[in-house]
Amino acid sequence: MARPLRIEFEGAVYHVTSRGNERKNIFFSKNDYTRFLHYLKEAKSKYNVVIHCYVLMRNHYHLIIETPDGNLSRAMHLINSSYTTYINTKRKRCGHLFQGRYKSILVDTDNYLLELSRYIHLNPLRAGMVQKPEDYQYSSYPAFIKKRKDNLLSKELIYRLVSYGNRNSKNEYRIFVESAIGQELDDPMEHVYGGIMLGGTRFIKNILSSIKDDYLIKEDILNRKALRESFEINEILEAVSNNYNVSIRDIVAYKSSEHKKIAIYLMKDRTGATNTEIGEVFGGMGSSSIRKVYQRFKLKMKESSKLRRRISKIEQKMSHVRG
């Protein structure tokens, strides 16, 4: 069974999630949430991890966690195994509490951390559990906007990103988060590259350059093909242009065409570019329009073997473009 590649290094920042087995609840009472936070504090103390954000939902959790010592797996083993033992003992059950291994996504702090924190903090609101995000007590959001001590969280990085470290950080962050209420937010997780990275092109290329090739030839590594190659937007445009025998100007023209849709699909799938960045290539298309083109094209690809062969041929050409 394919598994995601685990990348650990000093100073890495991750979005970590884990869901209940068969999507069942993992939290059953107030004491359970408290105990889980206790294990987070224990991991922080024992493994020197930094907790930037958290939201604990009924059947899953979200963490943004930094590892100054490059030891995520050890910290997460303590958290998940300790909590599983606690629940199994308390509820007189046995077996797995969580659905498989936890998922960890490397995060580009400069380009994605702030948006990701907002998306996570609005989770309870989107789920209809509260009317205001600060009303959800099993979230780090109240600690960010209210004057209260918290010996678990490290808020400085997010404050710095939202307000450049000025004295109004709490209010600036509140405005940033709550300005998105009622809006259709772009899901940051749609931009995950290779199943393990959320970041811009430079960030992705730096991570890829650090991965040993030996890991990427193993057939049990999920998304290994994407992890072996990362492309620039201009490389994709050139490959599509050659395949369709049309000019790059025709590809980026603001009109619907198969070659344009393929270019958008490949940019989303094989670069670290955001929807906004891709939209700018195509004459200012909106972020939501890029997302819709991508999602519809993915569905169309599932139904068309001819289209899949076309994509494969273009990808082969991109390899030659790279030289």
C-alpha atoms as a PDB file:
ATOM      1  CA  MET A   1       0.000   0.000   0.000  1.00  0.00           C
ATOM      2  CA  ALA A   2       1.376   3.407  -0.995  1.00  0.00           C
ATOM      3  CA  ARG A   3       2.303   5.738   1.841  1.00  0.00           C
ATOM      4  CA  PRO A   4       3.234   9.426   1.901  1.00  0.00           C
ATOM      5  CA  LEU A   5       6.889  10.335   2.182  1.00  0.00           C
ATOM      6  CA  ARG A   6       7.891  11.698   5.586  1.00  0.00           C
ATOM      7  CA  ILE A   7      10.315  14.606   5.449  1.00  0.00           C
ATOM      8  CA  GLU A   8      11.857  15.806   8.699  1.00  0.00           C
ATOM      9  CA  PHE A   9      14.422  18.545   9.193  1.00  0.00           C
ATOM     10  CA  GLU A  10      15.284  21.153  11.780  1.00  0.00           C
ATOM     11  CA  GLY A  11      12.935  24.128  11.719  1.00  0.00           C
ATOM     12  CA  ALA A  12      10.281  22.470   9.561  1.00  0.00           C
ATOM     13  CA  VAL A  13       6.678  23.661   9.964  1.00  0.00           C
ATOM     14  CA  TYR A  14       3.833  21.200   9.352  1.00  0.00           C
ATOM     15  CA  HIS A  15       0.083  21.086   9.123  1.00  0.00           C
ATOM     16  CA  VAL A  16      -0.738  17.844  10.924  1.00  0.00           C
ATOM     17  CA  THR A  17      -4.139  16.172  10.877  1.00  0.00           C
ATOM     18  CA  SER A  18      -5.465  12.877  12.151  1.00  0.00           C
ATOM     19  CA  ARG A  19      -8.998  11.543  11.829  1.00  0.00           C
ATOM     20  CA  GLY A  20     -10.936   9.004  13.835  1.00  0.00           C
ATOM     21  CA  ASN A  21     -11.028   5.439  12.531  1.00  0.00           C
ATOM     22  CA  GLU A  22     -14.004   5.070  10.140  1.00  0.00           C
ATOM     23  CA  ARG A  23     -14.522   8.822  10.720  1.00  0.00           C
ATOM     24  CA  LYS A  24     -15.829   8.093  14.205  1.00  0.00           C
ATOM     25  CA  ASN A  25     -15.409  10.488  17.126  1.00  0.00           C
ATOM     26  CA  ILE A  26     -12.112  10.703  18.952  1.00  0.00           C
ATOM     27  CA  PHE A  27     -13.335  13.181  21.581  1.00  0.00           C
ATOM     28  CA  PHE A  28     -16.299  12.217  23.772  1.00  0.00           C
ATOM     29  CA  SER A  29     -16.205  14.639  26.713  1.00  0.00           C
ATOM     30  CA  LYS A  30     -14.641  17.870  27.908  1.00  0.00           C
ATOM     31  CA  ASN A  31     -12.033  15.865  29.815  1.00  0.00           C
ATOM     32  CA  ASP A  32     -10.922  14.209  26.576  1.00  0.00           C
ATOM     33  CA  TYR A  33     -10.091  17.547  24.949  1.00  0.00           C
ATOM     34  CA  THR A  34      -8.229  18.571  28.102  1.00  0.00           C
ATOM     35  CA  ARG A  35      -6.244  15.331  28.118  1.00  0.00           C
ATOM     36  CA  PHE A  36      -5.270  15.700  24.465  1.00  0.00           C
ATOM     37  CA  LEU A  37      -3.966  19.216  25.142  1.00  0.00           C
ATOM     38  CA  HIS A  38      -2.013  17.754  28.053  1.00  0.00           C
ATOM     39  CA  TYR A  39      -0.249  15.388  25.648  1.00  0.00           C
ATOM     40  CA  LEU A  40       0.499  18.312  23.333  1.00  0.00           C
ATOM     41  CA  LYS A  41       2.186  20.081  26.234  1.00  0.00           C
ATOM     42  CA  GLU A  42       4.097  16.918  27.079  1.00  0.00           C
ATOM     43  CA  ALA A  43       5.369  16.646  23.481  1.00  0.00           C
ATOM     44  CA  LYS A  44       6.330  20.313  23.567  1.00  0.00           C
ATOM     45  CA  SER A  45       8.337  19.791  26.743  1.00  0.00           C
ATOM     46  CA  LYS A  46       9.952  16.477  25.799  1.00  0.00           C
ATOM     47  CA  TYR A  47      10.707  17.100  22.109  1.00  0.00           C
ATOM     48  CA  ASN A  48      10.993  20.897  21.957  1.00  0.00           C
ATOM     49  CA  VAL A  49       8.211  21.246  19.367  1.00  0.00           C
ATOM     50  CA  VAL A  50       6.447  24.566  18.821  1.00  0.00           C
ATOM     51  CA  ILE A  51       2.642  24.667  18.596  1.00  0.00           C
ATOM     52  CA  HIS A  52       1.490  27.571  16.416  1.00  0.00           C
ATOM     53  CA  CYS A  53      -2.216  26.672  16.079  1.00  0.00           C
ATOM     54  CA  TYR A  54      -4.668  23.916  16.932  1.00  0.00           C
ATOM     55  CA  VAL A  55      -8.326  23.089  16.463  1.00  0.00           C
ATOM     56  CA  LEU A  56      -9.790  19.938  17.984  1.00  0.00           C
ATOM     57  CA  MET A  57     -12.995  18.768  16.276  1.00  0.00           C
ATOM     58  CA  ARG A  58     -15.123  15.817  17.352  1.00  0.00           C
ATOM     59  CA  ASN A  59     -13.648  13.277  14.950  1.00  0.00           C
ATOM     60  CA  HIS A  60     -10.343  14.876  13.921  1.00  0.00           C
ATOM     61  CA  TYR A  61      -7.825  17.538  14.832  1.00  0.00           C
ATOM     62  CA  HIS A  62      -5.621  20.136  13.118  1.00  0.00           C
ATOM     63  CA  LEU A  63      -2.208  21.243  14.332  1.00  0.00           C
ATOM     64  CA  ILE A  64       0.341  23.667  12.960  1.00  0.00           C
ATOM     65  CA  ILE A  65       3.521  22.451  14.552  1.00  0.00           C
ATOM     66  CA  GLU A  66       7.197  23.384  14.172  1.00  0.00           C
ATOM     67  CA  THR A  67      10.124  21.063  14.896  1.00  0.00           C
ATOM     68  CA  PRO A  68      13.351  22.922  15.780  1.00  0.00           C
ATOM     69  CA  ASP A  69      15.010  19.532  16.272  1.00  0.00           C
ATOM     70  CA  GLY A  70      13.556  17.780  13.203  1.00  0.00           C
ATOM     71  CA  ASN A  71      11.690  15.131  15.195  1.00  0.00           C
ATOM     72  CA  LEU A  72       8.021  15.266  14.156  1.00  0.00           C
ATOM     73  CA  SER A  73       7.496  11.493  14.115  1.00  0.00           C
ATOM     74  CA  ARG A  74       8.671  11.099  17.704  1.00  0.00           C
ATOM     75  CA  ALA A  75       6.465  13.942  18.930  1.00  0.00           C
ATOM     76  CA  MET A  76       3.398  12.666  17.063  1.00  0.00           C
ATOM     77  CA  HIS A  77       3.954   9.123  18.310  1.00  0.00           C
ATOM     78  CA  LEU A  78       3.836  10.414  21.870  1.00  0.00           C
ATOM     79  CA  ILE A  79       0.665  12.430  21.217  1.00  0.00           C
ATOM     80  CA  ASN A  80      -1.372   9.861  19.286  1.00  0.00           C
ATOM     81  CA  SER A  81      -0.280   6.733  21.131  1.00  0.00           C
ATOM     82  CA  SER A  82      -0.729   8.304  24.569  1.00  0.00           C
ATOM     83  CA  TYR A  83      -4.174   9.608  23.677  1.00  0.00           C
ATOM     84  CA  THR A  84      -5.229   6.266  22.166  1.00  0.00           C
ATOM     85  CA  THR A  85      -4.160   4.443  25.329  1.00  0.00           C
ATOM     86  CA  TYR A  86      -6.080   6.964  27.426  1.00  0.00           C
ATOM     87  CA  ILE A  87      -9.313   6.568  25.400  1.00  0.00           C
ATOM     88  CA  ASN A  88      -9.049   2.771  25.196  1.00  0.00           C
ATOM     89  CA  THR A  89      -8.570   2.521  28.943  1.00  0.00           C
ATOM     90  CA  LYS A  90     -11.303   5.016  29.775  1.00  0.00           C
ATOM     91  CA  ARG A  91     -13.891   3.524  27.413  1.00  0.00           C
ATOM     92  CA  LYS A  92     -12.812  -0.105  27.872  1.00  0.00           C
ATOM     93  CA  ARG A  93     -12.119  -0.581  24.196  1.00  0.00           C
ATOM     94  CA  CYS A  94      -9.193  -1.866  22.161  1.00  0.00           C
ATOM     95  CA  GLY A  95      -7.789  -1.355  18.675  1.00  0.00           C
ATOM     96  CA  HIS A  96      -7.120   1.696  16.581  1.00  0.00           C
ATOM     97  CA  LEU A  97      -8.590   5.051  17.516  1.00  0.00           C
ATOM     98  CA  PHE A  98      -7.172   6.955  14.538  1.00  0.00           C
ATOM     99  CA  GLN A  99      -7.613   6.202  10.843  1.00  0.00           C
ATOM    100  CA  GLY A 100      -4.162   5.151   9.733  1.00  0.00           C
ATOM    101  CA  ARG A 101      -1.093   7.323  10.197  1.00  0.00           C
ATOM    102  CA  TYR A 102      -1.346  11.031  10.820  1.00  0.00           C
ATOM    103  CA  LYS A 103      -1.013  13.282   7.766  1.00  0.00           C
ATOM    104  CA  SER A 104       1.701  15.908   7.756  1.00  0.00           C
ATOM    105  CA  ILE A 105       2.110  18.653   5.163  1.00  0.00           C
ATOM    106  CA  LEU A 106       5.241  20.802   5.052  1.00  0.00           C
ATOM    107  CA  VAL A 107       4.211  24.470   5.077  1.00  0.00           C
ATOM    108  CA  ASP A 108       5.902  27.439   3.438  1.00  0.00           C
ATOM    109  CA  THR A 109       5.574  29.938   6.303  1.00  0.00           C
ATOM    110  CA  ASP A 110       6.152  33.011   4.130  1.00  0.00           C
ATOM    111  CA  ASN A 111       3.385  32.253   1.626  1.00  0.00           C
ATOM    112  CA  TYR A 112       0.860  29.941   3.274  1.00  0.00           C
ATOM    113  CA  LEU A 113       1.049  29.841   7.065  1.00  0.00           C
ATOM    114  CA  LEU A 114      -1.183  32.852   7.713  1.00  0.00           C
ATOM    115  CA  GLU A 115      -3.925  31.713   5.302  1.00  0.00           C
ATOM    116  CA  LEU A 116      -3.725  28.185   6.675  1.00  0.00           C
ATOM    117  CA  SER A 117      -4.134  29.370  10.268  1.00  0.00           C
ATOM    118  CA  ARG A 118      -7.270  31.310   9.288  1.00  0.00           C
ATOM    119  CA  TYR A 119      -8.715  28.349   7.420  1.00  0.00           C
ATOM    120  CA  ILE A 120      -8.126  26.068  10.425  1.00  0.00           C
ATOM    121  CA  HIS A 121      -9.523  28.544  12.959  1.00  0.00           C
ATOM    122  CA  LEU A 122     -12.747  28.920  10.941  1.00  0.00           C
ATOM    123  CA  ASN A 123     -13.324  25.158  10.855  1.00  0.00           C
ATOM    124  CA  PRO A 124     -15.839  25.079  13.750  1.00  0.00           C
ATOM    125  CA  LEU A 125     -17.764  27.946  12.151  1.00  0.00           C
ATOM    126  CA  ARG A 126     -17.965  26.200   8.770  1.00  0.00           C
ATOM    127  CA  ALA A 127     -19.171  23.064  10.563  1.00  0.00           C
ATOM    128  CA  GLY A 128     -22.023  25.039  12.151  1.00  0.00           C
ATOM    129  CA  MET A 129     -20.814  24.349  15.683  1.00  0.00           C
ATOM    130  CA  VAL A 130     -20.599  28.021  16.761  1.00  0.00           C
ATOM    131  CA  GLN A 131     -21.785  31.434  15.597  1.00  0.00           C
ATOM    132  CA  LYS A 132     -18.422  33.112  16.162  1.00  0.00           C
ATOM    133  CA  PRO A 133     -14.985  31.462  15.920  1.00  0.00           C
ATOM    134  CA  GLU A 134     -13.918  32.696  19.366  1.00  0.00           C
ATOM    135  CA  ASP A 135     -16.841  30.807  20.930  1.00  0.00           C
ATOM    136  CA  TYR A 136     -15.240  27.455  20.149  1.00  0.00           C
ATOM    137  CA  GLN A 137     -13.275  26.564  23.254  1.00  0.00           C
ATOM    138  CA  TYR A 138     -11.192  23.732  21.785  1.00  0.00           C
ATOM    139  CA  SER A 139      -9.333  26.027  19.414  1.00  0.00           C
ATOM    140  CA  SER A 140      -6.286  28.249  19.715  1.00  0.00           C
ATOM    141  CA  TYR A 141      -8.171  31.179  18.164  1.00  0.00           C
ATOM    142  CA  PRO A 142      -9.477  32.693  21.447  1.00  0.00           C
ATOM    143  CA  ALA A 143      -5.906  32.815  22.752  1.00  0.00           C
ATOM    144  CA  PHE A 144      -4.844  34.819  19.695  1.00  0.00           C
ATOM    145  CA  ILE A 145      -7.438  37.575  20.079  1.00  0.00           C
ATOM    146  CA  LYS A 146      -7.890  37.832  23.855  1.00  0.00           C
ATOM    147  CA  LYS A 147      -5.558  38.861  26.644  1.00  0.00           C
ATOM    148  CA  ARG A 148      -4.872  35.591  28.345  1.00  0.00           C
ATOM    149  CA  LYS A 149      -1.805  33.517  29.074  1.00  0.00           C
ATOM    150  CA  ASP A 150      -1.262  30.294  27.201  1.00  0.00           C
ATOM    151  CA  ASN A 151       1.765  28.129  27.973  1.00  0.00           C
ATOM    152  CA  LEU A 152       1.126  25.814  25.028  1.00  0.00           C
ATOM    153  CA  LEU A 153       0.993  28.193  22.062  1.00  0.00           C
ATOM    154  CA  SER A 154       3.656  30.224  20.333  1.00  0.00           C
ATOM    155  CA  LYS A 155       1.799  33.132  18.683  1.00  0.00           C
ATOM    156  CA  GLU A 156       4.694  35.374  17.692  1.00  0.00           C
ATOM    157  CA  LEU A 157       5.209  34.051  14.157  1.00  0.00           C
ATOM    158  CA  ILE A 158       1.581  34.473  13.110  1.00  0.00           C
ATOM    159  CA  TYR A 159       1.395  37.889  14.771  1.00  0.00           C
ATOM    160  CA  ARG A 160       4.491  38.913  12.843  1.00  0.00           C
ATOM    161  CA  LEU A 161       3.018  37.716   9.554  1.00  0.00           C
ATOM    162  CA  VAL A 162      -0.269  39.555  10.022  1.00  0.00           C
ATOM    163  CA  SER A 163       0.950  42.797  11.546  1.00  0.00           C
ATOM    164  CA  TYR A 164       4.738  42.910  11.206  1.00  0.00           C
ATOM    165  CA  GLY A 165       5.011  42.704  14.999  1.00  0.00           C
ATOM    166  CA  ASN A 166       3.184  45.928  15.893  1.00  0.00           C
ATOM    167  CA  ARG A 167       1.261  46.340  19.136  1.00  0.00           C
ATOM    168  CA  ASN A 168      -2.120  45.752  17.525  1.00  0.00           C
ATOM    169  CA  SER A 169      -1.365  42.139  16.592  1.00  0.00           C
ATOM    170  CA  LYS A 170      -4.405  40.705  18.366  1.00  0.00           C
ATOM    171  CA  ASN A 171      -6.809  43.067  16.653  1.00  0.00           C
ATOM    172  CA  GLU A 172      -5.099  42.711  13.275  1.00  0.00           C
ATOM    173  CA  TYR A 173      -5.401  38.943  13.459  1.00  0.00           C
ATOM    174  CA  ARG A 174      -9.057  39.139  14.466  1.00  0.00           C
ATOM    175  CA  ILE A 175      -9.774  41.400  11.492  1.00  0.00           C
ATOM    176  CA  PHE A 176      -7.872  39.077   9.174  1.00  0.00           C
ATOM    177  CA  VAL A 177      -9.726  35.957  10.303  1.00  0.00           C
ATOM    178  CA  GLU A 178     -13.194  37.412  10.639  1.00  0.00           C
ATOM    179  CA  SER A 179     -13.019  39.255   7.310  1.00  0.00           C
ATOM    180  CA  ALA A 180     -13.377  35.827   5.700  1.00  0.00           C
ATOM    181  CA  ILE A 181     -16.605  34.899   7.495  1.00  0.00           C
ATOM    182  CA  GLY A 182     -19.325  34.336   4.939  1.00  0.00           C
ATOM    183  CA  GLN A 183     -16.810  34.311   2.097  1.00  0.00           C
ATOM    184  CA  GLU A 184     -15.922  31.333  -0.086  1.00  0.00           C
ATOM    185  CA  LEU A 185     -12.376  30.772   1.097  1.00  0.00           C
ATOM    186  CA  ASP A 186      -9.797  29.210  -1.154  1.00  0.00           C
ATOM    187  CA  ASP A 187      -8.911  25.932   0.588  1.00  0.00           C
ATOM    188  CA  PRO A 188      -5.123  26.041   1.096  1.00  0.00           C
ATOM    189  CA  MET A 189      -5.005  22.248   1.009  1.00  0.00           C
ATOM    190  CA  GLU A 190      -5.971  22.302  -2.673  1.00  0.00           C
ATOM    191  CA  HIS A 191      -2.461  23.605  -3.342  1.00  0.00           C
ATOM    192  CA  VAL A 192      -0.616  20.719  -1.697  1.00  0.00           C
ATOM    193  CA  TYR A 193       2.140  19.469  -3.984  1.00  0.00           C
ATOM    194  CA  GLY A 194       3.082  15.797  -4.129  1.00  0.00           C
ATOM    195  CA  GLY A 195       0.887  15.075  -1.126  1.00  0.00           C
ATOM    196  CA  ILE A 196       3.423  16.555   1.301  1.00  0.00           C
ATOM    197  CA  MET A 197       4.198  20.228   0.548  1.00  0.00           C
ATOM    198  CA  LEU A 198       2.236  23.461   0.668  1.00  0.00           C
ATOM    199  CA  GLY A 199       4.273  26.334  -0.700  1.00  0.00           C
ATOM    200  CA  GLY A 200       5.568  28.410  -3.561  1.00  0.00           C
ATOM    201  CA  THR A 201       7.751  27.119  -6.386  1.00  0.00           C
ATOM    202  CA  ARG A 202      11.040  28.054  -4.726  1.00  0.00           C
ATOM    203  CA  PHE A 203      10.000  26.378  -1.468  1.00  0.00           C
ATOM    204  CA  ILE A 204       8.983  23.190  -3.293  1.00  0.00           C
ATOM    205  CA  LYS A 205      12.181  23.054  -5.324  1.00  0.00           C
ATOM    206  CA  ASN A 206      14.290  23.532  -2.192  1.00  0.00           C
ATOM    207  CA  ILE A 207      12.507  20.660  -0.474  1.00  0.00           C
ATOM    208  CA  LEU A 208      12.746  18.408  -3.523  1.00  0.00           C
ATOM    209  CA  SER A 209      16.472  19.077  -3.829  1.00  0.00           C
ATOM    210  CA  SER A 210      16.939  17.829  -0.267  1.00  0.00           C
ATOM    211  CA  ILE A 211      15.188  14.490  -0.849  1.00  0.00           C
ATOM    212  CA  LYS A 212      17.461  11.577  -1.629  1.00  0.00           C
ATOM    213  CA  ASP A 213      16.690   9.959  -4.983  1.00  0.00           C
ATOM    214  CA  ASP A 214      16.725   6.538  -3.301  1.00  0.00           C
ATOM    215  CA  TYR A 215      13.454   7.415  -1.576  1.00  0.00           C
ATOM    216  CA  LEU A 216      11.727   8.478  -4.775  1.00  0.00           C
ATOM    217  CA  ILE A 217      12.276   5.237  -6.695  1.00  0.00           C
ATOM    218  CA  LYS A 218      10.433   3.158  -4.108  1.00  0.00           C
ATOM    219  CA  GLU A 219       7.068   2.043  -5.441  1.00  0.00           C
ATOM    220  CA  ASP A 220       5.398   2.308  -2.038  1.00  0.00           C
ATOM    221  CA  ILE A 221       5.954   6.080  -1.893  1.00  0.00           C
ATOM    222  CA  LEU A 222       2.756   7.986  -2.675  1.00  0.00           C
ATOM    223  CA  ASN A 223       2.968  10.657  -5.415  1.00  0.00           C
ATOM    224  CA  ARG A 224       6.569   9.666  -6.139  1.00  0.00           C
ATOM    225  CA  LYS A 225       6.323  10.811  -9.782  1.00  0.00           C
ATOM    226  CA  ALA A 226       5.297  14.332  -8.816  1.00  0.00           C
ATOM    227  CA  LEU A 227       7.964  14.429  -6.124  1.00  0.00           C
ATOM    228  CA  ARG A 228      10.679  13.574  -8.619  1.00  0.00           C
ATOM    229  CA  GLU A 229       9.856  16.485 -10.912  1.00  0.00           C
ATOM    230  CA  SER A 230       8.754  20.061 -10.321  1.00  0.00           C
ATOM    231  CA  PHE A 231       8.204  22.465 -13.189  1.00  0.00           C
ATOM    232  CA  GLU A 232       8.095  26.181 -13.804  1.00  0.00           C
ATOM    233  CA  ILE A 233       5.017  27.811 -15.372  1.00  0.00           C
ATOM    234  CA  ASN A 234       6.948  28.775 -18.507  1.00  0.00           C
ATOM    235  CA  GLU A 235       8.102  25.170 -18.964  1.00  0.00           C
ATOM    236  CA  ILE A 236       4.501  23.995 -18.948  1.00  0.00           C
ATOM    237  CA  LEU A 237       3.424  26.669 -21.417  1.00  0.00           C
ATOM    238  CA  GLU A 238       6.248  25.710 -23.766  1.00  0.00           C
ATOM    239  CA  ALA A 239       5.409  21.992 -23.609  1.00  0.00           C
ATOM    240  CA  VAL A 240       1.685  22.591 -24.252  1.00  0.00           C
ATOM    241  CA  SER A 241       2.536  24.995 -27.051  1.00  0.00           C
ATOM    242  CA  ASN A 242       4.714  22.374 -28.761  1.00  0.00           C
ATOM    243  CA  ASN A 243       2.145  19.623 -28.321  1.00  0.00           C
ATOM    244  CA  TYR A 244      -0.753  21.584 -29.822  1.00  0.00           C
ATOM    245  CA  ASN A 245       1.352  23.554 -32.282  1.00  0.00           C
ATOM    246  CA  VAL A 246      -0.123  26.836 -31.040  1.00  0.00           C
ATOM    247  CA  SER A 247       1.580  29.938 -29.716  1.00  0.00           C
ATOM    248  CA  ILE A 248       1.874  30.619 -25.998  1.00  0.00           C
ATOM    249  CA  ARG A 249      -0.123  33.785 -26.651  1.00  0.00           C
ATOM    250  CA  ASP A 250      -3.022  31.638 -27.913  1.00  0.00           C
ATOM    251  CA  ILE A 251      -2.815  29.403 -24.834  1.00  0.00           C
ATOM    252  CA  VAL A 252      -3.085  32.268 -22.345  1.00  0.00           C
ATOM    253  CA  ALA A 253      -5.782  34.119 -24.300  1.00  0.00           C
ATOM    254  CA  TYR A 254      -8.945  34.621 -22.261  1.00  0.00           C
ATOM    255  CA  LYS A 255     -11.048  32.000 -24.033  1.00  0.00           C
ATOM    256  CA  SER A 256     -11.966  28.387 -23.432  1.00  0.00           C
ATOM    257  CA  SER A 257      -9.856  25.769 -25.162  1.00  0.00           C
ATOM    258  CA  GLU A 258      -8.522  22.323 -24.403  1.00  0.00           C
ATOM    259  CA  HIS A 259      -4.903  23.434 -24.453  1.00  0.00           C
ATOM    260  CA  LYS A 260      -5.662  26.242 -22.010  1.00  0.00           C
ATOM    261  CA  LYS A 261      -7.404  23.837 -19.624  1.00  0.00           C
ATOM    262  CA  ILE A 262      -4.489  21.419 -19.828  1.00  0.00           C
ATOM    263  CA  ALA A 263      -2.050  24.229 -19.061  1.00  0.00           C
ATOM    264  CA  ILE A 264      -4.101  25.248 -16.008  1.00  0.00           C
ATOM    265  CA  TYR A 265      -4.346  21.640 -14.858  1.00  0.00           C
ATOM    266  CA  LEU A 266      -0.585  21.095 -15.144  1.00  0.00           C
ATOM    267  CA  MET A 267       0.238  24.374 -13.419  1.00  0.00           C
ATOM    268  CA  LYS A 268      -1.964  23.393 -10.492  1.00  0.00           C
ATOM    269  CA  ASP A 269      -0.669  19.836 -10.429  1.00  0.00           C
ATOM    270  CA  ARG A 270       3.030  20.290 -11.148  1.00  0.00           C
ATOM    271  CA  THR A 271       4.037  23.687  -9.730  1.00  0.00           C
ATOM    272  CA  GLY A 272       3.675  25.435  -6.412  1.00  0.00           C
ATOM    273  CA  ALA A 273       1.774  28.349  -7.962  1.00  0.00           C
ATOM    274  CA  THR A 274      -1.369  29.606  -6.237  1.00  0.00           C
ATOM    275  CA  ASN A 275      -4.705  30.012  -8.025  1.00  0.00           C
ATOM    276  CA  THR A 276      -4.128  33.774  -8.034  1.00  0.00           C
ATOM    277  CA  GLU A 277      -0.678  33.404  -9.596  1.00  0.00           C
ATOM    278  CA  ILE A 278      -2.032  31.059 -12.271  1.00  0.00           C
ATOM    279  CA  GLY A 279      -4.923  33.436 -12.942  1.00  0.00           C
ATOM    280  CA  GLU A 280      -2.489  36.260 -13.623  1.00  0.00           C
ATOM    281  CA  VAL A 281      -0.870  34.166 -16.376  1.00  0.00           C
ATOM    282  CA  PHE A 282      -4.255  33.890 -18.082  1.00  0.00           C
ATOM    283  CA  GLY A 283      -5.088  37.550 -18.243  1.00  0.00           C
ATOM    284  CA  GLY A 284      -6.392  38.008 -14.701  1.00  0.00           C
ATOM    285  CA  MET A 285      -8.714  35.021 -14.292  1.00  0.00           C
ATOM    286  CA  GLY A 286     -10.133  34.871 -10.781  1.00  0.00           C
ATOM    287  CA  SER A 287      -8.910  32.375  -8.220  1.00  0.00           C
ATOM    288  CA  SER A 288     -12.309  30.639  -8.092  1.00  0.00           C
ATOM    289  CA  SER A 289     -12.375  30.349 -11.907  1.00  0.00           C
ATOM    290  CA  ILE A 290      -8.980  28.637 -11.924  1.00  0.00           C
ATOM    291  CA  ARG A 291     -10.175  26.252  -9.222  1.00  0.00           C
ATOM    292  CA  LYS A 292     -13.318  25.351 -11.173  1.00  0.00           C
ATOM    293  CA  VAL A 293     -11.401  24.744 -14.416  1.00  0.00           C
ATOM    294  CA  TYR A 294      -9.001  22.471 -12.564  1.00  0.00           C
ATOM    295  CA  GLN A 295     -11.708  20.471 -10.789  1.00  0.00           C
ATOM    296  CA  ARG A 296     -13.810  20.013 -13.936  1.00  0.00           C
ATOM    297  CA  PHE A 297     -10.780  19.003 -15.972  1.00  0.00           C
ATOM    298  CA  LYS A 298      -9.798  16.375 -13.390  1.00  0.00           C
ATOM    299  CA  LEU A 299     -13.254  14.820 -13.709  1.00  0.00           C
ATOM    300  CA  LYS A 300     -13.026  14.898 -17.498  1.00  0.00           C
ATOM    301  CA  MET A 301      -9.636  13.169 -17.375  1.00  0.00           C
ATOM    302  CA  LYS A 302     -11.118  10.255 -15.424  1.00  0.00           C
ATOM    303  CA  GLU A 303     -13.592   9.667 -18.240  1.00  0.00           C
ATOM    304  CA  SER A 304     -11.197  10.080 -21.187  1.00  0.00           C
ATOM    305  CA  SER A 305      -8.249   7.771 -21.809  1.00  0.00           C
ATOM    306  CA  LYS A 306      -7.375   9.888 -24.861  1.00  0.00           C
ATOM    307  CA  LEU A 307      -7.011  12.957 -22.658  1.00  0.00           C
ATOM    308  CA  ARG A 308      -4.886  11.048 -20.178  1.00  0.00           C
ATOM    309  CA  ARG A 309      -2.560   9.953 -22.973  1.00  0.00           C
ATOM    310  CA  ARG A 310      -2.328  13.562 -24.132  1.00  0.00           C
ATOM    311  CA  ILE A 311      -1.335  14.706 -20.631  1.00  0.00           C
ATOM    312  CA  SER A 312       1.260  11.933 -20.407  1.00  0.00           C
ATOM    313  CA  LYS A 313       2.767  12.968 -23.729  1.00  0.00           C
ATOM    314  CA  ILE A 314       2.990  16.607 -22.639  1.00  0.00           C
ATOM    315  CA  GLU A 315       4.625  15.610 -19.351  1.00  0.00           C
ATOM    316  CA  GLN A 316       7.240  13.666 -21.271  1.00  0.00           C
ATOM    317  CA  LYS A 317       7.911  16.771 -23.359  1.00  0.00           C
ATOM    318  CA  MET A 318       8.295  18.815 -20.186  1.00  0.00           C
ATOM    319  CA  SER A 319      11.075  16.488 -19.127  1.00  0.00           C
ATOM    320  CA  HIS A 320      12.864  17.262 -22.395  1.00  0.00           C
ATOM    321  CA  VAL A 321      12.233  21.001 -21.960  1.00  0.00           C
ATOM    322  CA  ARG A 322      14.048  20.820 -18.638  1.00  0.00           C
ATOM    323  CA  GLY A 323      17.097  19.380 -20.365  1.00  0.00           C
END
